[in-house]
Protein backbone atom coordinates (compact mmCIF):
# COMPACT_ATOMS: atom_id res chain seq x y z
CA MET A 1 -2.92 -14.53 -10.33
CA ALA A 2 -6.16 -13.95 -11.16
CA ILE A 3 -9.10 -16.34 -11.39
CA THR A 4 -12.65 -15.99 -12.44
CA ALA A 5 -15.90 -17.76 -10.87
CA PHE A 6 -19.24 -16.90 -9.85
CA PHE A 7 -20.79 -14.62 -7.46
CA GLY A 8 -24.06 -13.82 -6.49
CA ASP A 9 -25.37 -12.71 -9.83
CA GLN A 10 -22.55 -13.57 -12.52
CA GLU A 11 -18.99 -14.24 -13.69
CA TYR A 12 -15.83 -11.84 -11.91
CA THR A 13 -12.85 -11.75 -11.31
CA PHE A 14 -11.18 -11.82 -8.60
CA LYS A 15 -7.56 -11.54 -7.98
CA LEU A 16 -5.12 -9.99 -4.62
CA THR A 17 -3.02 -7.77 -5.46
CA PRO A 18 0.36 -6.73 -3.13
CA ALA A 19 -1.26 -3.46 -2.03
CA LEU A 20 -5.21 -5.70 -1.63
CA ILE A 21 -2.77 -7.89 0.26
CA ARG A 22 -1.59 -5.50 3.05
CA GLU A 23 -5.41 -4.13 3.14
CA LEU A 24 -6.57 -7.60 3.89
CA GLU A 25 -4.07 -8.31 6.46
CA ALA A 26 -4.62 -5.57 7.98
CA LYS A 27 -7.99 -6.83 9.12
CA CYS A 28 -7.26 -9.97 9.19
CA GLY A 29 -3.36 -10.82 10.03
CA PRO A 30 -0.62 -12.24 8.16
CA ILE A 31 -1.73 -13.81 4.28
CA GLY A 32 0.18 -17.18 5.69
CA ALA A 33 -2.21 -17.36 8.38
CA ILE A 34 -4.80 -16.81 6.53
CA ALA A 35 -4.40 -19.04 4.07
CA GLN A 36 -3.53 -21.62 6.93
CA ARG A 37 -6.62 -21.14 8.86
CA VAL A 38 -8.79 -21.54 5.65
CA PHE A 39 -6.92 -24.60 4.21
CA ALA A 40 -7.29 -26.25 7.11
CA ARG A 41 -10.72 -25.07 7.74
CA ALA A 42 -10.56 -23.24 10.67
CA PHE A 43 -11.23 -19.99 9.49
CA SER A 44 -13.72 -16.94 10.93
CA GLN A 45 -16.11 -15.67 8.75
CA ALA A 46 -13.94 -12.69 8.45
CA ASP A 47 -10.99 -14.77 6.82
CA LEU A 48 -13.55 -15.39 4.00
CA SER A 49 -15.21 -12.40 2.82
CA GLU A 50 -12.38 -10.41 3.93
CA VAL A 51 -10.65 -12.48 1.22
CA ILE A 52 -13.31 -12.38 -1.71
CA ARG A 53 -14.30 -9.30 -1.16
CA HIS A 54 -10.63 -7.95 -1.69
CA ALA A 55 -10.05 -10.20 -4.63
CA LEU A 56 -12.89 -8.49 -6.05
CA ILE A 57 -11.88 -4.99 -5.99
CA GLY A 58 -8.43 -6.25 -7.21
CA GLY A 59 -10.32 -8.06 -10.11
CA GLY A 60 -10.40 -4.80 -11.75
CA ASN A 61 -14.80 -4.82 -12.88
CA VAL A 62 -15.59 -3.56 -9.14
CA THR A 63 -15.61 -0.47 -7.00
CA PRO A 64 -15.04 -1.16 -2.75
CA LYS A 65 -18.45 -0.45 -2.03
CA ARG A 66 -19.84 -2.47 -4.25
CA ALA A 67 -17.87 -4.76 -3.44
CA ALA A 68 -19.09 -4.68 0.63
CA GLU A 69 -22.34 -4.41 -0.80
CA MET A 70 -22.24 -7.21 -2.72
CA ILE A 71 -20.97 -9.67 0.46
CA ALA A 72 -23.55 -8.21 2.43
CA ALA A 73 -25.74 -9.71 -0.04
CA TYR A 74 -24.63 -13.01 -0.98
CA ALA A 75 -21.88 -13.85 1.84
CA ASP A 76 -23.86 -12.16 4.92
CA GLY A 77 -25.73 -14.53 5.92
CA ARG A 78 -25.39 -17.47 4.12
CA PRO A 79 -24.09 -20.59 5.10
CA LEU A 80 -20.52 -20.55 4.71
CA ILE A 81 -19.25 -23.34 2.97
CA GLU A 82 -21.07 -21.55 -0.19
CA ILE A 83 -18.76 -18.52 0.49
CA TYR A 84 -15.46 -21.26 2.01
CA GLU A 85 -14.89 -22.73 -1.81
CA LEU A 86 -14.30 -19.31 -3.56
CA ALA A 87 -11.71 -17.78 -0.96
CA ALA A 88 -9.22 -21.46 -0.56
CA LYS A 89 -9.45 -20.94 -4.72
CA ILE A 90 -8.50 -17.39 -4.65
CA LEU A 91 -5.78 -17.69 -1.76
CA GLU A 92 -4.60 -21.04 -2.78
CA ARG A 93 -4.06 -18.71 -6.69
CA THR A 94 -2.38 -16.52 -4.91
CA LEU A 95 -0.28 -18.54 -3.08
CA PHE A 96 0.47 -21.12 -5.57
CA GLY A 97 -0.13 -19.57 -9.01
CA ASN A 98 -1.61 -22.01 -11.99
CA PRO A 99 0.25 -25.03 -12.31
CA ASN A 100 -1.42 -25.13 -15.38
CA GLU A 101 0.04 -22.10 -17.13
CA LYS A 102 2.92 -22.46 -18.91
CA GLU A 103 6.34 -20.23 -18.34
CA THR A 104 6.77 -18.20 -21.45
CA PRO A 105 10.64 -18.48 -23.09
CA LYS A 106 12.71 -15.15 -21.97
C-alpha cells in the first residue's frame, strides 16, 4: 500500500514492498518491532530515516542513491518530529492498508 506525501522539496510516493521490507529488517530488525518502537515513540533515528528511505525507493520514482541524498538533506540533523509523522504513516499503511479503500467485488 502506497501513500503520497510531501518530503523535502515536493510530493513523493512512499511504499514498502516485500523486498524492501526484508532489506529494512536487515538494517533495523523485524518490521513488527520497528512499528512497535515507532508507534510507542521509542524509536531510533535510524528507524525513522530507514523507513522513509526504503519507502522512497519502493515508491518507484526515486533511485537508491537519490533516496540516500534526500535523507541526508531533509532528515538528518532535523528535529525528529519532522520525520516521525511520515515514518509512522508509512508503517501504518504497510501494516494495516487503507481503511477507506473499498474491496472490489470478485
